[in-house]
Every structure is written in C-alpha cells, then in structure tokens.
Amino acid sequence: MPVTRLFLIRHGQSAGNAEGRFGGHGPTPLSELGERQARITAEALAKENISAIYSSDLFRAVQTAEPLSRITGVPILTKHAFRERNVGVLEGLTFDESKHNHPKDYYALVNRNYHHVITRGESYRQLVKRVMNELWEILRKNQGERIAVYSHTGAICFMTLHLMGAIRRDTKQTPWLITSNCGVNRFEVRGRNNVRVLALNDTRHLIDITGNDSFGAR
C-alpha cells in the first residue's frame, strides 16, 4: 500500500486564544501573531510538496490555511467535520467563567470525560466520530499523497489519539495531547492499522517568534 503523509496543523493564535477563551464554533479571527504564525508555517510546509489542503470551515482555520494555498497553488477544501468540538454553553467564556457558570460541563471537559455531552454542545465521542469519518475518507481518496489538514486543538488531539490506537470502545477518559498554535502533527499512513507517528506538536519553524513557550488556549 502506498505511503500517505498526513500533516495535522492547528490554526494560528486567534483573538479568543489571546484572551484565554473557549473558541468552539465561534467566528473568532486570527490575531496579528496568528497571521504571522500562519505565514511562517506555510513557508515551512511548502517544502513538503503538499498535494491536498483541507481545512475546518471556521474562519481562524481557513485564514491559517490560506498562505499555504497561495504559495503552492493547491486549493483549500473546507470541511465542516474538521470543526472544533462544539462546546455549547462554554463558547466564548474564559476558563474561570466556565468553571463558575457551568461547573459540571467545565470539569467534564477538562477531565476529558469521553461521553459527557456539554449543554447545547457535543461529547468528545461525537467529535471523534465526525472527524475520523471525514479523515479516513480523505486518506482513502488521497492515497500516496501529502495531505495538510488545518483544524483545532481538541479535534487534532482526538484525531491523533485515534490514529495512535489510544481510543477503544470502553474508553471513558483520555490523556490530552497539546498542540500549540500552528503546531504540526506528522504521520505516515499505510492503512488503518499501520500508522507511524513522525512528530507531535512540531513548532520548530516558529521558534523565532514564539520561543519555546508556544502553547495556546483553546
């Protein structure tokens, strides 16, 4: 089976990230720093011979994908499925506001309760179902190619956990894999049961502007 290279890229810093707020499905744009991160990331990924670019349809993700599309001439295909987890009543709130106003939903989220459905939102389990259905279809269509997928910290965390085989039918809680703004997770995929992890949260390309402390809020 041909080897497919997969790059999962988190969007650049958004205005919500800078304020420490849950972005969810909100339309928050990139901050000035986020725009710089997106440009530098595009320059680094342009060396990878990317042949397909997919993105969450949320504005901050599309903004981050646009520089790579301009450099390579590869069009961006937006997918609703690659949106961040729908955090319902927590959207737009800070961590402290979420803890105070919606403690049950807040603690279930930060403790990564896999089955808890946030009020007016969705569960991690529902997130995994929608993102992985789309991802496996994209991998099937683009076998042997180099695919960039721009998404969000929660969606990327759970796509990565699933690709690593860390989510099973009896999963109740999971670890959290941090992906910094414009961090890149790199994989070689030969099939559903043959995935090689090359790098997690690769931010080497950003060190000149963010240093070693490049972790961002949701």
C-alpha atoms as a PDB file:
ATOM      1  CA  MET A   1       0.000   0.000   0.000  1.00  0.00           C
ATOM      2  CA  PRO A   2       1.388   3.469  -0.877  1.00  0.00           C
ATOM      3  CA  VAL A   3       2.572   5.661   1.998  1.00  0.00           C
ATOM      4  CA  THR A   4       0.446   8.737   2.652  1.00  0.00           C
ATOM      5  CA  ARG A   5       1.973  11.657   4.541  1.00  0.00           C
ATOM      6  CA  LEU A   6      -0.524  13.413   6.804  1.00  0.00           C
ATOM      7  CA  PHE A   7       0.048  16.793   8.460  1.00  0.00           C
ATOM      8  CA  LEU A   8      -2.446  17.926  11.112  1.00  0.00           C
ATOM      9  CA  ILE A   9      -1.985  21.658  11.717  1.00  0.00           C
ATOM     10  CA  ARG A  10      -3.633  23.717  14.412  1.00  0.00           C
ATOM     11  CA  HIS A  11      -4.739  27.212  13.411  1.00  0.00           C
ATOM     12  CA  GLY A  12      -2.688  30.239  14.430  1.00  0.00           C
ATOM     13  CA  GLN A  13      -3.395  32.238  17.554  1.00  0.00           C
ATOM     14  CA  SER A  14      -6.907  33.639  17.438  1.00  0.00           C
ATOM     15  CA  ALA A  15      -8.289  36.656  19.245  1.00  0.00           C
ATOM     16  CA  GLY A  16     -10.092  34.210  21.553  1.00  0.00           C
ATOM     17  CA  ASN A  17      -6.883  32.295  22.274  1.00  0.00           C
ATOM     18  CA  ALA A  18      -5.145  35.527  23.225  1.00  0.00           C
ATOM     19  CA  GLU A  19      -7.921  36.217  25.741  1.00  0.00           C
ATOM     20  CA  GLY A  20      -7.970  32.644  27.090  1.00  0.00           C
ATOM     21  CA  ARG A  21     -11.496  31.903  25.842  1.00  0.00           C
ATOM     22  CA  PHE A  22     -13.087  28.705  24.530  1.00  0.00           C
ATOM     23  CA  GLY A  23     -13.383  29.182  20.775  1.00  0.00           C
ATOM     24  CA  GLY A  24     -15.729  26.321  19.922  1.00  0.00           C
ATOM     25  CA  HIS A  25     -17.618  27.068  16.725  1.00  0.00           C
ATOM     26  CA  GLY A  26     -17.277  30.838  17.105  1.00  0.00           C
ATOM     27  CA  PRO A  27     -16.105  33.031  14.185  1.00  0.00           C
ATOM     28  CA  THR A  28     -13.084  34.478  16.006  1.00  0.00           C
ATOM     29  CA  PRO A  29     -10.354  35.636  13.562  1.00  0.00           C
ATOM     30  CA  LEU A  30      -6.596  35.277  13.869  1.00  0.00           C
ATOM     31  CA  SER A  31      -4.670  37.781  15.942  1.00  0.00           C
ATOM     32  CA  GLU A  32      -1.713  39.628  14.430  1.00  0.00           C
ATOM     33  CA  LEU A  33       0.586  36.977  15.921  1.00  0.00           C
ATOM     34  CA  GLY A  34      -1.649  34.255  14.477  1.00  0.00           C
ATOM     35  CA  GLU A  35      -1.306  35.709  10.988  1.00  0.00           C
ATOM     36  CA  ARG A  36       2.499  35.690  11.323  1.00  0.00           C
ATOM     37  CA  GLN A  37       2.409  32.099  12.577  1.00  0.00           C
ATOM     38  CA  ALA A  38       0.277  31.093   9.581  1.00  0.00           C
ATOM     39  CA  ARG A  39       2.696  32.656   7.085  1.00  0.00           C
ATOM     40  CA  ILE A  40       5.767  31.055   8.644  1.00  0.00           C
ATOM     41  CA  THR A  41       4.047  27.670   8.870  1.00  0.00           C
ATOM     42  CA  ALA A  42       3.066  27.889   5.204  1.00  0.00           C
ATOM     43  CA  GLU A  43       6.671  28.585   4.229  1.00  0.00           C
ATOM     44  CA  ALA A  44       7.808  25.506   6.176  1.00  0.00           C
ATOM     45  CA  LEU A  45       5.089  23.219   4.773  1.00  0.00           C
ATOM     46  CA  ALA A  46       5.649  24.420   1.215  1.00  0.00           C
ATOM     47  CA  LYS A  47       8.874  22.376   1.298  1.00  0.00           C
ATOM     48  CA  GLU A  48       6.852  19.191   1.925  1.00  0.00           C
ATOM     49  CA  ASN A  49       5.292  19.003  -1.568  1.00  0.00           C
ATOM     50  CA  ILE A  50       1.752  19.188  -0.206  1.00  0.00           C
ATOM     51  CA  SER A  51      -0.734  17.902  -2.781  1.00  0.00           C
ATOM     52  CA  ALA A  52      -4.043  18.425  -0.930  1.00  0.00           C
ATOM     53  CA  ILE A  53      -5.158  21.043   1.604  1.00  0.00           C
ATOM     54  CA  TYR A  54      -8.224  20.536   3.781  1.00  0.00           C
ATOM     55  CA  SER A  55      -9.480  22.848   6.486  1.00  0.00           C
ATOM     56  CA  SER A  56     -12.169  23.272   9.069  1.00  0.00           C
ATOM     57  CA  ASP A  57     -14.654  25.784   7.695  1.00  0.00           C
ATOM     58  CA  LEU A  58     -14.238  28.021  10.756  1.00  0.00           C
ATOM     59  CA  PHE A  59     -12.645  31.355   9.905  1.00  0.00           C
ATOM     60  CA  ARG A  60      -9.496  31.025  12.039  1.00  0.00           C
ATOM     61  CA  ALA A  61      -8.616  27.694  10.406  1.00  0.00           C
ATOM     62  CA  VAL A  62      -9.257  28.878   6.838  1.00  0.00           C
ATOM     63  CA  GLN A  63      -7.189  32.019   7.499  1.00  0.00           C
ATOM     64  CA  THR A  64      -4.320  29.791   8.618  1.00  0.00           C
ATOM     65  CA  ALA A  65      -4.565  27.570   5.532  1.00  0.00           C
ATOM     66  CA  GLU A  66      -4.694  30.437   3.029  1.00  0.00           C
ATOM     67  CA  PRO A  67      -0.941  31.266   2.940  1.00  0.00           C
ATOM     68  CA  LEU A  68      -0.031  27.649   2.079  1.00  0.00           C
ATOM     69  CA  SER A  69      -2.658  27.621  -0.658  1.00  0.00           C
ATOM     70  CA  ARG A  70      -1.255  30.845  -2.127  1.00  0.00           C
ATOM     71  CA  ILE A  71       2.331  29.553  -2.113  1.00  0.00           C
ATOM     72  CA  THR A  72       1.560  26.105  -3.562  1.00  0.00           C
ATOM     73  CA  GLY A  73      -1.445  26.871  -5.769  1.00  0.00           C
ATOM     74  CA  VAL A  74      -3.299  23.972  -4.105  1.00  0.00           C
ATOM     75  CA  PRO A  75      -6.935  24.916  -3.369  1.00  0.00           C
ATOM     76  CA  ILE A  76      -8.392  24.712   0.141  1.00  0.00           C
ATOM     77  CA  LEU A  77     -11.240  22.237   0.565  1.00  0.00           C
ATOM     78  CA  THR A  78     -13.253  23.245   3.638  1.00  0.00           C
ATOM     79  CA  LYS A  79     -14.942  20.591   5.746  1.00  0.00           C
ATOM     80  CA  HIS A  80     -17.497  21.181   8.499  1.00  0.00           C
ATOM     81  CA  ALA A  81     -16.380  17.891  10.049  1.00  0.00           C
ATOM     82  CA  PHE A  82     -12.981  19.332  10.995  1.00  0.00           C
ATOM     83  CA  ARG A  83     -14.509  21.997  13.237  1.00  0.00           C
ATOM     84  CA  GLU A  84     -13.548  22.181  16.879  1.00  0.00           C
ATOM     85  CA  ARG A  85     -15.683  20.407  19.442  1.00  0.00           C
ATOM     86  CA  ASN A  86     -18.991  22.194  19.925  1.00  0.00           C
ATOM     87  CA  VAL A  87     -18.583  23.443  23.495  1.00  0.00           C
ATOM     88  CA  GLY A  88     -22.148  24.725  23.717  1.00  0.00           C
ATOM     89  CA  VAL A  89     -22.712  26.989  26.707  1.00  0.00           C
ATOM     90  CA  LEU A  90     -18.954  27.350  27.264  1.00  0.00           C
ATOM     91  CA  GLU A  91     -18.293  29.020  23.914  1.00  0.00           C
ATOM     92  CA  GLY A  92     -16.684  32.430  24.295  1.00  0.00           C
ATOM     93  CA  LEU A  93     -16.161  32.053  28.047  1.00  0.00           C
ATOM     94  CA  THR A  94     -12.852  32.107  29.873  1.00  0.00           C
ATOM     95  CA  PHE A  95     -11.811  29.085  31.924  1.00  0.00           C
ATOM     96  CA  ASP A  96     -12.754  30.882  35.156  1.00  0.00           C
ATOM     97  CA  GLU A  97     -16.125  31.971  33.780  1.00  0.00           C
ATOM     98  CA  SER A  98     -16.838  28.415  32.597  1.00  0.00           C
ATOM     99  CA  LYS A  99     -15.889  26.946  35.977  1.00  0.00           C
ATOM    100  CA  HIS A 100     -18.140  29.417  37.804  1.00  0.00           C
ATOM    101  CA  ASN A 101     -21.169  29.366  35.499  1.00  0.00           C
ATOM    102  CA  HIS A 102     -21.177  25.756  34.247  1.00  0.00           C
ATOM    103  CA  PRO A 103     -19.052  23.654  36.631  1.00  0.00           C
ATOM    104  CA  LYS A 104     -20.429  20.266  35.550  1.00  0.00           C
ATOM    105  CA  ASP A 105     -19.691  20.886  31.882  1.00  0.00           C
ATOM    106  CA  TYR A 106     -16.359  22.549  32.653  1.00  0.00           C
ATOM    107  CA  TYR A 107     -14.963  19.733  34.804  1.00  0.00           C
ATOM    108  CA  ALA A 108     -16.195  17.046  32.396  1.00  0.00           C
ATOM    109  CA  LEU A 109     -14.342  18.845  29.607  1.00  0.00           C
ATOM    110  CA  VAL A 110     -11.034  19.443  31.384  1.00  0.00           C
ATOM    111  CA  ASN A 111     -11.089  15.902  32.840  1.00  0.00           C
ATOM    112  CA  ARG A 112     -11.730  14.601  29.304  1.00  0.00           C
ATOM    113  CA  ASN A 113     -14.880  12.678  30.128  1.00  0.00           C
ATOM    114  CA  TYR A 114     -15.253  10.956  26.768  1.00  0.00           C
ATOM    115  CA  HIS A 115     -19.037  10.524  26.854  1.00  0.00           C
ATOM    116  CA  HIS A 116     -20.216  13.745  28.511  1.00  0.00           C
ATOM    117  CA  VAL A 117     -22.331  15.893  26.196  1.00  0.00           C
ATOM    118  CA  ILE A 118     -21.798  19.567  27.001  1.00  0.00           C
ATOM    119  CA  THR A 119     -25.040  21.509  27.418  1.00  0.00           C
ATOM    120  CA  ARG A 120     -26.108  22.574  23.904  1.00  0.00           C
ATOM    121  CA  GLY A 121     -22.844  21.085  22.611  1.00  0.00           C
ATOM    122  CA  GLU A 122     -21.366  17.649  21.947  1.00  0.00           C
ATOM    123  CA  SER A 123     -19.222  14.975  23.580  1.00  0.00           C
ATOM    124  CA  TYR A 124     -15.652  14.004  22.758  1.00  0.00           C
ATOM    125  CA  ARG A 125     -17.084  10.735  21.463  1.00  0.00           C
ATOM    126  CA  GLN A 126     -19.293  12.616  18.986  1.00  0.00           C
ATOM    127  CA  LEU A 127     -16.311  14.748  17.983  1.00  0.00           C
ATOM    128  CA  VAL A 128     -14.227  11.657  17.222  1.00  0.00           C
ATOM    129  CA  LYS A 129     -16.964  10.116  15.108  1.00  0.00           C
ATOM    130  CA  ARG A 130     -17.340  13.135  12.824  1.00  0.00           C
ATOM    131  CA  VAL A 131     -13.649  13.987  12.432  1.00  0.00           C
ATOM    132  CA  MET A 132     -12.480  10.417  11.860  1.00  0.00           C
ATOM    133  CA  ASN A 133     -15.217   9.577   9.360  1.00  0.00           C
ATOM    134  CA  GLU A 134     -14.020  12.542   7.295  1.00  0.00           C
ATOM    135  CA  LEU A 135     -10.324  11.883   7.825  1.00  0.00           C
ATOM    136  CA  TRP A 136     -10.450   8.235   6.745  1.00  0.00           C
ATOM    137  CA  GLU A 137     -12.397   9.216   3.636  1.00  0.00           C
ATOM    138  CA  ILE A 138      -9.776  11.844   2.759  1.00  0.00           C
ATOM    139  CA  LEU A 139      -6.959   9.352   3.328  1.00  0.00           C
ATOM    140  CA  ARG A 140      -8.735   6.859   1.060  1.00  0.00           C
ATOM    141  CA  LYS A 141      -9.151   9.428  -1.719  1.00  0.00           C
ATOM    142  CA  ASN A 142      -5.570  10.688  -1.484  1.00  0.00           C
ATOM    143  CA  GLN A 143      -3.524   7.516  -1.029  1.00  0.00           C
ATOM    144  CA  GLY A 144       0.176   8.070  -1.572  1.00  0.00           C
ATOM    145  CA  GLU A 145      -0.134  11.856  -1.439  1.00  0.00           C
ATOM    146  CA  ARG A 146       0.848  14.531   1.085  1.00  0.00           C
ATOM    147  CA  ILE A 147      -2.178  15.946   2.866  1.00  0.00           C
ATOM    148  CA  ALA A 148      -2.405  19.038   5.079  1.00  0.00           C
ATOM    149  CA  VAL A 149      -5.427  19.267   7.384  1.00  0.00           C
ATOM    150  CA  TYR A 150      -5.974  22.525   9.278  1.00  0.00           C
ATOM    151  CA  SER A 151      -8.095  22.134  12.377  1.00  0.00           C
ATOM    152  CA  HIS A 152      -8.303  22.900  16.101  1.00  0.00           C
ATOM    153  CA  THR A 153      -6.652  21.775  19.311  1.00  0.00           C
ATOM    154  CA  GLY A 154      -9.425  19.435  20.526  1.00  0.00           C
ATOM    155  CA  ALA A 155     -10.142  17.970  17.112  1.00  0.00           C
ATOM    156  CA  ILE A 156      -6.423  17.407  16.471  1.00  0.00           C
ATOM    157  CA  CYS A 157      -5.922  15.880  19.918  1.00  0.00           C
ATOM    158  CA  PHE A 158      -8.607  13.288  19.318  1.00  0.00           C
ATOM    159  CA  MET A 159      -7.684  12.589  15.699  1.00  0.00           C
ATOM    160  CA  THR A 160      -4.151  11.936  16.943  1.00  0.00           C
ATOM    161  CA  LEU A 161      -5.283   9.709  19.815  1.00  0.00           C
ATOM    162  CA  HIS A 162      -7.449   7.713  17.410  1.00  0.00           C
ATOM    163  CA  LEU A 163      -4.642   7.319  14.869  1.00  0.00           C
ATOM    164  CA  MET A 164      -2.381   6.104  17.693  1.00  0.00           C
ATOM    165  CA  GLY A 165      -4.926   3.493  18.768  1.00  0.00           C
ATOM    166  CA  ALA A 166      -5.445   5.176  22.145  1.00  0.00           C
ATOM    167  CA  ILE A 167      -9.257   5.226  21.926  1.00  0.00           C
ATOM    168  CA  ARG A 168     -11.210   1.992  22.328  1.00  0.00           C
ATOM    169  CA  ARG A 169     -14.866   1.078  22.737  1.00  0.00           C
ATOM    170  CA  ASP A 170     -14.502   1.050  26.521  1.00  0.00           C
ATOM    171  CA  THR A 171     -12.671   4.403  26.732  1.00  0.00           C
ATOM    172  CA  LYS A 172     -14.043   6.678  29.450  1.00  0.00           C
ATOM    173  CA  GLN A 173     -11.259   9.232  29.774  1.00  0.00           C
ATOM    174  CA  THR A 174      -8.230  10.112  27.681  1.00  0.00           C
ATOM    175  CA  PRO A 175      -4.951  11.991  28.044  1.00  0.00           C
ATOM    176  CA  TRP A 176      -4.706  15.430  26.488  1.00  0.00           C
ATOM    177  CA  LEU A 177      -2.181  15.984  23.704  1.00  0.00           C
ATOM    178  CA  ILE A 178      -1.252  19.648  23.497  1.00  0.00           C
ATOM    179  CA  THR A 179      -0.998  21.195  20.059  1.00  0.00           C
ATOM    180  CA  SER A 180       0.295  24.760  20.081  1.00  0.00           C
ATOM    181  CA  ASN A 181      -0.977  27.381  17.671  1.00  0.00           C
ATOM    182  CA  CYS A 182       0.375  26.308  14.259  1.00  0.00           C
ATOM    183  CA  GLY A 183       1.924  23.201  15.788  1.00  0.00           C
ATOM    184  CA  VAL A 184       2.106  20.277  13.354  1.00  0.00           C
ATOM    185  CA  ASN A 185       1.459  16.577  13.988  1.00  0.00           C
ATOM    186  CA  ARG A 186       3.098  14.430  11.285  1.00  0.00           C
ATOM    187  CA  PHE A 187       2.170  10.877  10.306  1.00  0.00           C
ATOM    188  CA  GLU A 188       2.863   8.211   7.716  1.00  0.00           C
ATOM    189  CA  VAL A 189      -0.285   6.206   6.974  1.00  0.00           C
ATOM    190  CA  ARG A 190      -0.241   2.866   5.184  1.00  0.00           C
ATOM    191  CA  GLY A 191      -3.671   1.761   6.404  1.00  0.00           C
ATOM    192  CA  ARG A 192      -5.974   1.976   9.408  1.00  0.00           C
ATOM    193  CA  ASN A 193      -3.815  -0.492  11.302  1.00  0.00           C
ATOM    194  CA  ASN A 194      -0.481   0.792  10.049  1.00  0.00           C
ATOM    195  CA  VAL A 195       0.139   4.365  11.189  1.00  0.00           C
ATOM    196  CA  ARG A 196       3.564   5.765  12.022  1.00  0.00           C
ATOM    197  CA  VAL A 197       3.829   8.877  14.221  1.00  0.00           C
ATOM    198  CA  LEU A 198       6.680  11.084  12.994  1.00  0.00           C
ATOM    199  CA  ALA A 199       6.222  14.144  15.206  1.00  0.00           C
ATOM    200  CA  LEU A 200       3.770  15.641  17.679  1.00  0.00           C
ATOM    201  CA  ASN A 201       3.325  19.377  18.193  1.00  0.00           C
ATOM    202  CA  ASP A 202       6.242  20.282  15.939  1.00  0.00           C
ATOM    203  CA  THR A 203       6.825  24.033  16.395  1.00  0.00           C
ATOM    204  CA  ARG A 204      10.463  24.266  15.318  1.00  0.00           C
ATOM    205  CA  HIS A 205       9.503  26.580  12.471  1.00  0.00           C
ATOM    206  CA  LEU A 206       8.016  29.086  14.951  1.00  0.00           C
ATOM    207  CA  ILE A 207      10.846  29.366  17.439  1.00  0.00           C
ATOM    208  CA  ASP A 208      11.979  32.779  16.196  1.00  0.00           C
ATOM    209  CA  ILE A 209       8.619  34.389  17.029  1.00  0.00           C
ATOM    210  CA  THR A 210       7.237  32.358  19.929  1.00  0.00           C
ATOM    211  CA  GLY A 211      10.309  30.786  21.545  1.00  0.00           C
ATOM    212  CA  ASN A 212       9.817  27.558  23.453  1.00  0.00           C
ATOM    213  CA  ASP A 213       6.601  28.680  25.140  1.00  0.00           C
ATOM    214  CA  SER A 214       4.208  28.469  22.202  1.00  0.00           C
ATOM    215  CA  PHE A 215       1.264  26.784  23.913  1.00  0.00           C
ATOM    216  CA  GLY A 216      -2.081  28.473  23.283  1.00  0.00           C
ATOM    217  CA  ALA A 217      -5.558  28.392  24.777  1.00  0.00           C
ATOM    218  CA  ARG A 218      -8.445  26.558  23.201  1.00  0.00           C
END
